[in-house]
Amino acid sequence: MRAKAIPAIFVVTVAMLLATAAKEESLPQLIARADSARLEDRPQLYTEIAERQLHSADQLYTDGKVDEAQAAVTDVVNYSQKATDAATQTGKKLKNTEIAVRKMAEKLRDIKRSLAFEDQATVQTAINRLETQRTSLLDRMFGKGAK
């Protein structure tokens, strides 16, 4: 019994190490992987990129690096659009993508409330674009063209 427990522990340990290594994947590596991934896998990968950039934008705004934060917000919109396009093309992961886009729009609303008035326009534009993406996903899920 004891001999069988050691290989099982080894397998679990290796799996945990691999999962940790995947989480530590750099943003450029994740972008490269997403761009070359199967179409069905792209919504989740592009969503993860957008979420990372959203976290980065929040931190950059907190640090007073407005120009860098605005670039990160632009990335949030662009990668959310890629996730939306991939989900719409495949008809898969529509719900997960819509939920992620909604949560990102909510987070941007929170960020916007903390910004100086002159810095809010970029964030509001991003919120509007995310809401358009959500509408597109919802139309695909529940509209006339829904499967």
Protein backbone atom coordinates (compact mmCIF):
# COMPACT_ATOMS: atom_id res chain seq x y z
CA MET A 1 0.00 0.00 0.00
CA ARG A 2 2.78 2.38 0.90
CA ALA A 3 4.61 1.80 -2.40
CA LYS A 4 1.52 2.90 -4.35
CA ALA A 5 1.12 6.07 -2.29
CA ILE A 6 4.55 7.44 -3.23
CA PRO A 7 3.91 7.50 -7.02
CA ALA A 8 0.49 9.08 -6.44
CA ILE A 9 2.05 11.83 -4.33
CA PHE A 10 4.70 12.33 -7.01
CA VAL A 11 2.06 12.70 -9.73
CA VAL A 12 0.06 15.21 -7.68
CA THR A 13 3.22 17.21 -6.91
CA VAL A 14 4.23 17.33 -10.58
CA ALA A 15 0.72 18.39 -11.59
CA MET A 16 0.77 21.20 -9.02
CA LEU A 17 4.17 22.39 -10.24
CA LEU A 18 2.96 22.42 -13.84
CA ALA A 19 -0.15 24.38 -12.87
CA THR A 20 2.00 26.91 -11.01
CA ALA A 21 4.33 27.25 -13.99
CA ALA A 22 1.38 27.91 -16.29
CA LYS A 23 0.17 30.70 -13.98
CA GLU A 24 3.62 32.29 -14.08
CA GLU A 25 3.55 32.52 -17.87
CA SER A 26 4.56 36.01 -18.92
CA LEU A 27 2.12 38.22 -20.77
CA PRO A 28 4.05 38.06 -24.08
CA GLN A 29 4.18 34.26 -23.78
CA LEU A 30 0.45 34.12 -23.10
CA ILE A 31 -0.25 36.39 -26.08
CA ALA A 32 1.89 34.20 -28.35
CA ARG A 33 0.12 31.08 -27.08
CA ALA A 34 -3.31 32.66 -27.59
CA ASP A 35 -2.50 33.78 -31.13
CA SER A 36 -1.41 30.27 -32.10
CA ALA A 37 -4.06 28.36 -30.14
CA ARG A 38 -7.02 26.51 -31.61
CA LEU A 39 -9.96 28.81 -32.23
CA GLU A 40 -12.00 27.06 -29.50
CA ASP A 41 -9.31 27.84 -26.90
CA ARG A 42 -8.84 31.49 -27.80
CA PRO A 43 -11.80 33.03 -25.93
CA GLN A 44 -10.45 31.86 -22.57
CA LEU A 45 -6.85 32.83 -23.38
CA TYR A 46 -7.72 36.29 -24.71
CA THR A 47 -9.98 36.84 -21.72
CA GLU A 48 -7.10 36.00 -19.39
CA ILE A 49 -4.88 38.51 -21.22
CA ALA A 50 -7.56 41.21 -20.92
CA GLU A 51 -8.01 40.46 -17.21
CA ARG A 52 -4.27 40.69 -16.59
CA GLN A 53 -4.13 44.01 -18.42
CA LEU A 54 -7.09 45.26 -16.38
CA HIS A 55 -5.27 44.40 -13.18
CA SER A 56 -2.19 46.12 -14.55
CA ALA A 57 -4.19 49.24 -15.50
CA ASP A 58 -5.66 49.43 -12.01
CA GLN A 59 -2.20 49.26 -10.46
CA LEU A 60 -0.78 51.79 -12.94
CA TYR A 61 -3.57 54.28 -12.17
CA THR A 62 -2.91 53.77 -8.46
CA ASP A 63 0.78 54.47 -9.07
CA GLY A 64 -0.06 57.65 -11.01
CA LYS A 65 1.19 56.30 -14.34
CA VAL A 66 -1.80 57.50 -16.35
CA ASP A 67 -0.35 57.10 -19.86
CA GLU A 68 0.72 53.51 -19.21
CA ALA A 69 -2.62 52.77 -17.56
CA GLN A 70 -4.51 54.10 -20.57
CA ALA A 71 -2.45 51.84 -22.85
CA ALA A 72 -3.35 48.88 -20.63
CA VAL A 73 -7.05 49.87 -20.80
CA THR A 74 -6.77 49.89 -24.60
CA ASP A 75 -5.33 46.37 -24.41
CA VAL A 76 -8.27 45.29 -22.23
CA VAL A 77 -10.69 46.40 -24.94
CA ASN A 78 -8.66 44.89 -27.79
CA TYR A 79 -8.17 41.48 -26.18
CA SER A 80 -11.78 41.38 -24.99
CA GLN A 81 -12.78 41.99 -28.60
CA LYS A 82 -10.56 39.12 -29.73
CA ALA A 83 -12.17 36.88 -27.10
CA THR A 84 -15.62 38.00 -28.22
CA ASP A 85 -14.81 37.39 -31.89
CA ALA A 86 -13.40 33.92 -31.20
CA ALA A 87 -16.38 32.95 -29.03
CA THR A 88 -18.81 34.23 -31.64
CA GLN A 89 -17.04 32.40 -34.47
CA THR A 90 -17.03 29.08 -32.66
CA GLY A 91 -20.33 29.50 -30.85
CA LYS A 92 -18.54 28.15 -27.77
CA LYS A 93 -17.68 29.78 -24.46
CA LEU A 94 -20.13 32.58 -25.18
CA LYS A 95 -21.49 32.61 -21.65
CA ASN A 96 -18.06 32.55 -19.98
CA THR A 97 -16.81 35.31 -22.25
CA GLU A 98 -19.89 37.45 -21.61
CA ILE A 99 -19.50 37.05 -17.85
CA ALA A 100 -15.82 37.99 -18.01
CA VAL A 101 -16.50 41.04 -20.17
CA ARG A 102 -19.28 42.16 -17.80
CA LYS A 103 -16.98 41.83 -14.79
CA MET A 104 -14.24 43.78 -16.56
CA ALA A 105 -16.71 46.57 -17.39
CA GLU A 106 -17.76 46.67 -13.74
CA LYS A 107 -14.13 46.88 -12.62
CA LEU A 108 -13.51 49.71 -15.08
CA ARG A 109 -16.50 51.56 -13.61
CA ASP A 110 -14.91 51.22 -10.18
CA ILE A 111 -11.58 52.47 -11.52
CA LYS A 112 -13.26 55.39 -13.27
CA ARG A 113 -14.80 56.59 -10.01
CA SER A 114 -11.34 56.88 -8.48
CA LEU A 115 -9.84 58.94 -11.31
CA ALA A 116 -9.53 62.65 -11.87
CA PHE A 117 -12.16 63.96 -14.27
CA GLU A 118 -9.68 64.51 -17.11
CA ASP A 119 -8.57 60.85 -16.93
CA GLN A 120 -12.07 59.36 -17.02
CA ALA A 121 -12.80 59.68 -20.76
CA THR A 122 -10.51 56.83 -21.84
CA VAL A 123 -12.01 54.52 -19.25
CA GLN A 124 -15.58 55.47 -20.18
CA THR A 125 -14.84 54.78 -23.84
CA ALA A 126 -13.49 51.36 -22.86
CA ILE A 127 -16.60 50.66 -20.77
CA ASN A 128 -18.81 51.56 -23.73
CA ARG A 129 -16.87 49.25 -26.04
CA LEU A 130 -17.05 46.38 -23.54
CA GLU A 131 -20.80 46.88 -23.25
CA THR A 132 -21.07 46.69 -27.05
CA GLN A 133 -19.13 43.42 -26.96
CA ARG A 134 -21.46 42.09 -24.26
CA THR A 135 -24.48 43.01 -26.35
CA SER A 136 -22.99 41.14 -29.29
CA LEU A 137 -22.42 38.05 -27.15
CA LEU A 138 -25.92 38.21 -25.67
CA ASP A 139 -27.42 38.59 -29.15
CA ARG A 140 -25.51 35.52 -30.27
CA MET A 141 -26.71 33.55 -27.24
CA PHE A 142 -30.34 34.68 -27.13
CA GLY A 143 -31.10 36.62 -30.32
CA LYS A 144 -32.64 35.48 -33.57
CA GLY A 145 -29.36 33.89 -34.64
CA ALA A 146 -29.03 31.86 -31.44
CA LYS A 147 -28.55 28.15 -31.81
